[in-house]
Structures are given as C-alpha cells and as structure tokens.
Amino acid sequence: MLHCKPDRLLGADDVHIHVLRPEPVKPIDADSLDAAERQRAQSFKFDKDRDLYIAAHLFLRQVLSRYAVVPEQDWRFSTNAYGKPAIANPGYDWLQFNLSHTQGRVACAVARNRAVGVDVEQHKSLNDLSALCRHTFSPPEAEHVLSTPLPSEQEQRFFSYWTLKEAYIKARGMGLSLPLHQFSFVQDTDRCWQLHYAPGFQDDGESWQFNTRRLGESHFLAYCVQAGGCDLSVQLIGANASGDFCGSENNFLSMRSEP
C-alpha cells in the first residue's frame, strides 16, 4: 500500500508506537526492501524468522510513509558505528525511528528529532533464571526479580526489566557497548519507574521518558525516548495482520528520568 501524502502528523512532543500482529497467510513479497534488507532476510535459517524479518521491515516502511511524502520502497537507511539504523533520505533526518520484532509482534516507534528506542519480547519460560539475572541485570534489578517465590511473577519481572533496558540502549544508539549491569530501572512505592546509573557510567546527560507494559498475555513492550525536560505524549497505534492501520489508539502512561 503506497501513500501519496502523509496521513499522520507527528508533533514535537509526540511519540507514536505502531504495533503489528503479523499473521502471513501467503508468501511475503520482499520487493519493496532494499538490497541490504533482502540479503539479511536470506541469511535466516528458518522460514518463520525470515518471514518475520521481512514483515517487520515492510511494516517499518509503511509506518514511515505515513509521516513523509516518500513511497515505501524508496526509503534508504544508514547505520551508526554501533549498528543503529537511521533514515538516509535527504531532508528526513528529523524522523527518528526504532524497530523491534519477535514472534507474534512487531513494534515501530517514531518521534520528531528525538532519539527513541523500543523493544518487544514474547514471553517464554526461562532456564536458570537466577544465573541469567545476575549476568544481565544490575544487583538491585536481579534482587527484585528473584525476591518473589512465584516463577510466573519472576518471569514477568524479568521481561519488564529486559525490555526497558533494551529500549534504553537502543535509544542511546550504542547497543551492548553500554554495560547492562551499570544502570538500573527501579520501581518506587507508587510503582513508578526510575532510572539510576552506577558511578562512571556513560550517561549522556539527557533526560529520558520510558515505560513498559504487557501486550495481551504473551508479549511485553517497552519504550525509551529522549525527553529533554518535556512531558511527551506517547500513543500505541494498532495495525492488523496485513499492515492496515486499525485507528485504535491508547495513551501510554510514562515515567521520566531527569539528568
């Protein structure tokens, strides 16, 4: 589906998170993807992973074309030194985005001139959760995950922390060069998230707005966006399996971290 003109406005203080439940019922046409995307798609061993990658990147192009007069197949991308993608089309560097996909969900976050990160994960049972937490999380995060005796609650806490941390490092655009155990998401007594850094952590001094939530029973989603002291409006926007946008929108309550 090509858009002749943008059909959505993106204000300076808006963040839109488009969510797709991909359910392909026929072979996916990858012709709209560029050569690098098609090469990456062919590198997947399993068809389900290849189809998910193609569906996600086609969805990304559909989303971007809702905000700019660029046909879906004409979007071009570059990556920074850490692999974070950005729009390479001249005149559209203001349109910041981030993409995440897992079996059953695709999420694409967009913002205007603000670094943004999003992560979506499918819930699954985890082996040796204690070792995984202590290897991946900061001590306060690991302690909180393991402090409940209920395995289901432990896994819910794990995915909440994991998606928040992934969204943050994706927004920073530095990937795993940022040590995961040197920054902590902590919930206060009002269940509001706060972000704390270990001494010497490479904090860039920006304030961040972030939150996490469940999508149905089987998925977790988190976002993180460069707030710069503003109170941003964050919306979830649904799409059906074919990529057509349903128009249903929900406010996404947010928490902020001050520099």
Protein backbone atom coordinates (compact mmCIF):
# COMPACT_ATOMS: atom_id res chain seq x y z
CA MET A 1 0.00 0.00 0.00
CA LEU A 2 1.62 3.26 -1.15
CA HIS A 3 0.77 6.62 0.37
CA CYS A 4 0.71 9.67 -1.92
CA LYS A 5 0.79 12.01 1.02
CA PRO A 6 1.33 11.70 4.78
CA ASP A 7 -1.79 10.77 6.70
CA ARG A 8 -0.46 11.39 10.22
CA LEU A 9 1.01 14.42 11.95
CA LEU A 10 3.90 13.99 14.36
CA GLY A 11 4.24 16.87 16.79
CA ALA A 12 7.45 17.86 18.51
CA ASP A 13 6.27 16.25 21.75
CA ASP A 14 4.63 13.17 20.22
CA VAL A 15 5.83 9.59 20.21
CA HIS A 16 3.87 7.05 18.20
CA ILE A 17 4.39 3.32 18.71
CA HIS A 18 2.87 1.27 15.91
CA VAL A 19 2.21 -2.37 16.78
CA LEU A 20 1.55 -5.16 14.28
CA ARG A 21 0.50 -8.76 14.87
CA PRO A 22 1.96 -10.41 11.76
CA GLU A 23 0.00 -13.40 10.55
CA PRO A 24 1.11 -14.01 6.98
CA VAL A 25 -1.17 -16.36 5.08
CA LYS A 26 0.76 -16.27 1.80
CA PRO A 27 4.39 -15.79 0.75
CA ILE A 28 5.61 -12.31 1.64
CA ASP A 29 6.69 -10.07 -1.24
CA ALA A 30 10.06 -8.55 -0.34
CA ASP A 31 10.38 -6.42 -3.49
CA SER A 32 9.96 -3.17 -1.51
CA LEU A 33 13.04 -3.94 0.58
CA ASP A 34 16.48 -2.72 -0.42
CA ALA A 35 19.39 -4.99 -1.31
CA ALA A 36 20.84 -5.00 2.22
CA GLU A 37 17.49 -5.95 3.73
CA ARG A 38 16.93 -8.74 1.21
CA GLN A 39 20.43 -10.08 1.85
CA ARG A 40 19.80 -10.04 5.59
CA ALA A 41 16.47 -11.81 5.10
CA GLN A 42 18.14 -14.58 3.14
CA SER A 43 20.62 -15.18 5.97
CA PHE A 44 17.95 -16.61 8.29
CA LYS A 45 17.98 -20.40 8.58
CA PHE A 46 14.28 -20.83 9.36
CA ASP A 47 11.40 -19.63 7.21
CA LYS A 48 9.47 -18.24 10.19
CA ASP A 49 12.37 -15.99 11.15
CA ARG A 50 12.86 -14.85 7.56
CA ASP A 51 9.15 -14.10 7.16
CA LEU A 52 9.08 -12.17 10.44
CA TYR A 53 12.09 -10.06 9.42
CA ILE A 54 10.54 -9.24 6.04
CA ALA A 55 7.15 -8.44 7.58
CA ALA A 56 8.79 -6.16 10.15
CA HIS A 57 10.81 -4.21 7.60
CA LEU A 58 7.88 -3.85 5.23
CA PHE A 59 5.85 -2.57 8.20
CA LEU A 60 8.62 -0.07 9.03
CA ARG A 61 8.39 1.34 5.51
CA GLN A 62 4.60 1.57 5.74
CA VAL A 63 4.87 3.42 9.04
CA LEU A 64 7.46 5.91 7.80
CA SER A 65 5.39 6.69 4.71
CA ARG A 66 2.54 7.77 6.97
CA TYR A 67 4.66 10.76 8.02
CA ALA A 68 6.51 11.76 4.84
CA VAL A 69 5.96 12.04 1.09
CA VAL A 70 8.18 9.06 0.32
CA PRO A 71 6.89 5.84 -1.27
CA GLU A 72 7.51 2.78 0.87
CA GLN A 73 10.06 1.25 -1.50
CA ASP A 74 12.11 4.48 -1.68
CA TRP A 75 13.25 4.66 1.94
CA ARG A 76 17.01 4.32 2.40
CA PHE A 77 18.85 3.65 5.64
CA SER A 78 22.29 4.08 7.16
CA THR A 79 23.72 2.76 10.43
CA ASN A 80 25.96 4.31 13.05
CA ALA A 81 29.15 2.72 14.38
CA TYR A 82 27.10 0.53 16.72
CA GLY A 83 24.61 -0.63 14.09
CA LYS A 84 21.63 1.58 14.93
CA PRO A 85 19.73 2.40 11.72
CA ALA A 86 18.62 5.87 10.67
CA ILE A 87 16.92 7.38 7.64
CA ALA A 88 19.37 8.27 4.86
CA ASN A 89 16.91 10.07 2.56
CA PRO A 90 17.91 13.77 2.38
CA GLY A 91 15.63 16.07 4.33
CA TYR A 92 14.11 13.41 6.58
CA ASP A 93 16.66 13.11 9.37
CA TRP A 94 14.05 14.67 11.71
CA LEU A 95 12.04 11.44 11.52
CA GLN A 96 13.60 9.25 14.19
CA PHE A 97 12.52 5.62 14.47
CA ASN A 98 13.28 2.31 16.09
CA LEU A 99 12.07 -1.18 15.18
CA SER A 100 11.67 -4.36 17.21
CA HIS A 101 10.16 -7.72 16.37
CA THR A 102 9.57 -11.07 18.00
CA GLN A 103 7.34 -13.99 17.13
CA GLY A 104 3.79 -12.65 17.17
CA ARG A 105 4.51 -8.91 17.37
CA VAL A 106 6.28 -6.09 15.54
CA ALA A 107 6.73 -2.64 17.11
CA CYS A 108 7.91 0.53 15.39
CA ALA A 109 8.38 3.75 17.39
CA VAL A 110 8.68 7.15 15.72
CA ALA A 111 9.47 10.61 17.10
CA ARG A 112 10.44 14.03 15.76
CA ASN A 113 14.09 14.96 16.38
CA ARG A 114 14.25 12.73 19.48
CA ALA A 115 16.27 9.56 19.94
CA VAL A 116 13.85 6.71 20.53
CA GLY A 117 14.13 3.02 21.34
CA VAL A 118 11.52 0.27 21.53
CA ASP A 119 11.66 -3.39 22.43
CA VAL A 120 9.02 -6.10 22.22
CA GLU A 121 9.54 -9.62 23.53
CA GLN A 122 7.48 -12.78 23.53
CA HIS A 123 7.00 -14.34 26.94
CA LYS A 124 8.68 -17.72 27.26
CA SER A 125 9.89 -19.96 30.06
CA LEU A 126 13.46 -19.28 31.11
CA ASN A 127 16.03 -21.76 32.34
CA ASP A 128 18.31 -20.90 35.27
CA LEU A 129 16.71 -17.51 35.78
CA SER A 130 18.92 -16.73 38.76
CA ALA A 131 22.14 -17.00 36.73
CA LEU A 132 20.58 -15.12 33.83
CA CYS A 133 19.54 -12.21 36.07
CA ARG A 134 22.90 -11.94 37.80
CA HIS A 135 24.70 -11.98 34.46
CA THR A 136 22.40 -9.48 32.74
CA PHE A 137 20.94 -7.13 35.33
CA SER A 138 22.24 -4.76 37.97
CA PRO A 139 22.22 -6.13 41.54
CA PRO A 140 19.02 -4.26 42.54
CA GLU A 141 17.21 -5.49 39.43
CA ALA A 142 18.33 -9.10 39.90
CA GLU A 143 17.37 -8.98 43.57
CA HIS A 144 13.90 -7.70 42.76
CA VAL A 145 13.26 -10.34 40.08
CA LEU A 146 14.29 -13.16 42.40
CA SER A 147 12.64 -11.80 45.54
CA THR A 148 9.28 -13.39 44.74
CA PRO A 149 8.91 -17.17 45.08
CA LEU A 150 6.40 -17.36 42.21
CA PRO A 151 8.05 -18.41 38.91
CA SER A 152 5.37 -16.62 36.85
CA GLU A 153 5.98 -13.36 38.74
CA GLN A 154 9.75 -13.77 38.37
CA GLU A 155 9.38 -14.13 34.60
CA GLN A 156 7.06 -11.13 34.39
CA ARG A 157 9.57 -9.01 36.28
CA PHE A 158 12.41 -10.31 34.12
CA PHE A 159 10.73 -9.30 30.86
CA SER A 160 9.76 -5.90 32.25
CA TYR A 161 13.38 -5.14 33.11
CA TRP A 162 14.74 -6.70 29.92
CA THR A 163 12.50 -4.69 27.58
CA LEU A 164 13.22 -1.45 29.46
CA LYS A 165 16.97 -1.99 29.30
CA GLU A 166 16.84 -2.97 25.63
CA ALA A 167 14.74 0.09 24.79
CA TYR A 168 17.20 2.34 26.64
CA ILE A 169 20.36 1.05 24.94
CA LYS A 170 18.60 1.17 21.56
CA ALA A 171 17.58 4.78 22.17
CA ARG A 172 21.16 5.63 23.12
CA GLY A 173 22.27 4.01 19.85
CA MET A 174 25.25 2.30 21.46
CA GLY A 175 23.95 -1.24 21.88
CA LEU A 176 25.71 -3.58 24.27
CA SER A 177 28.73 -1.29 24.47
CA LEU A 178 26.71 0.11 27.40
CA PRO A 179 27.19 -2.37 30.27
CA LEU A 180 23.74 -3.58 31.30
CA HIS A 181 24.66 -4.01 34.96
CA GLN A 182 25.78 -0.38 35.30
CA PHE A 183 22.33 1.18 35.03
CA SER A 184 19.21 0.23 36.93
CA PHE A 185 15.48 0.61 36.49
CA VAL A 186 13.84 0.73 39.91
CA GLN A 187 10.15 0.92 40.83
CA ASP A 188 9.27 3.11 43.79
CA THR A 189 6.42 2.52 46.23
CA ASP A 190 3.96 4.05 43.73
CA ARG A 191 5.14 1.57 41.06
CA CYS A 192 6.74 4.41 39.10
CA TRP A 193 9.98 3.58 37.29
CA GLN A 194 13.19 5.48 37.99
CA LEU A 195 16.50 5.18 36.16
CA HIS A 196 19.76 5.17 38.13
CA TYR A 197 23.36 4.97 36.94
CA ALA A 198 26.43 3.44 38.53
CA PRO A 199 29.38 5.81 39.15
CA GLY A 200 31.34 6.33 35.96
CA PHE A 201 28.55 5.16 33.67
CA GLN A 202 28.50 6.80 30.23
CA ASP A 203 25.37 8.84 30.84
CA ASP A 204 24.90 11.38 28.07
CA GLY A 205 23.14 13.86 30.36
CA GLU A 206 19.78 13.69 28.61
CA SER A 207 16.53 13.10 30.43
CA TRP A 208 14.61 10.07 29.26
CA GLN A 209 10.95 9.11 29.26
CA PHE A 210 10.16 5.41 29.42
CA ASN A 211 7.70 2.77 30.43
CA THR A 212 6.81 -0.88 29.91
CA ARG A 213 3.56 -2.74 29.51
CA ARG A 214 2.14 -6.11 28.53
CA LEU A 215 0.58 -6.67 25.12
CA GLY A 216 -2.00 -9.34 25.79
CA GLU A 217 -0.90 -12.38 27.74
CA SER A 218 2.19 -13.31 25.78
CA HIS A 219 4.19 -10.17 24.95
CA PHE A 220 5.98 -7.33 26.73
CA LEU A 221 6.79 -3.93 25.24
CA ALA A 222 8.88 -1.01 26.47
CA TYR A 223 9.93 2.30 25.00
CA CYS A 224 12.53 4.93 25.86
CA VAL A 225 12.69 8.37 24.28
CA GLN A 226 14.86 11.46 24.68
CA ALA A 227 12.60 13.82 26.61
CA GLY A 228 14.78 16.93 27.11
CA GLY A 229 12.66 18.02 30.05
CA CYS A 230 9.36 17.81 28.12
CA ASP A 231 6.35 15.74 29.07
CA LEU A 232 5.81 13.73 25.90
CA SER A 233 2.58 12.25 24.59
CA VAL A 234 3.04 8.56 23.79
CA GLN A 235 0.44 6.59 21.86
CA LEU A 236 0.06 2.97 20.83
CA ILE A 237 -1.38 2.54 17.35
CA GLY A 238 -2.55 -0.88 16.23
CA ALA A 239 -2.37 -2.49 12.80
CA ASN A 240 -3.94 -5.69 11.53
CA ALA A 241 -2.12 -8.67 10.03
CA SER A 242 -1.96 -7.14 6.53
CA GLY A 243 -0.38 -3.94 7.84
CA ASP A 244 -3.50 -1.79 7.51
CA PHE A 245 -3.81 0.60 10.44
CA CYS A 246 -6.83 -0.01 12.63
CA GLY A 247 -7.04 3.51 14.01
CA SER A 248 -7.35 2.41 17.63
CA GLU A 249 -5.08 4.47 19.84
CA ASN A 250 -4.26 4.27 23.53
CA ASN A 251 -2.35 6.64 25.72
CA PHE A 252 0.83 5.08 27.04
CA LEU A 253 1.47 6.33 30.57
CA SER A 254 5.08 7.33 31.01
CA MET A 255 7.77 7.79 33.60
CA ARG A 256 10.68 10.21 33.31
CA SER A 257 14.30 10.20 34.37
CA GLU A 258 15.87 13.56 34.99
CA PRO A 259 19.55 14.20 34.22
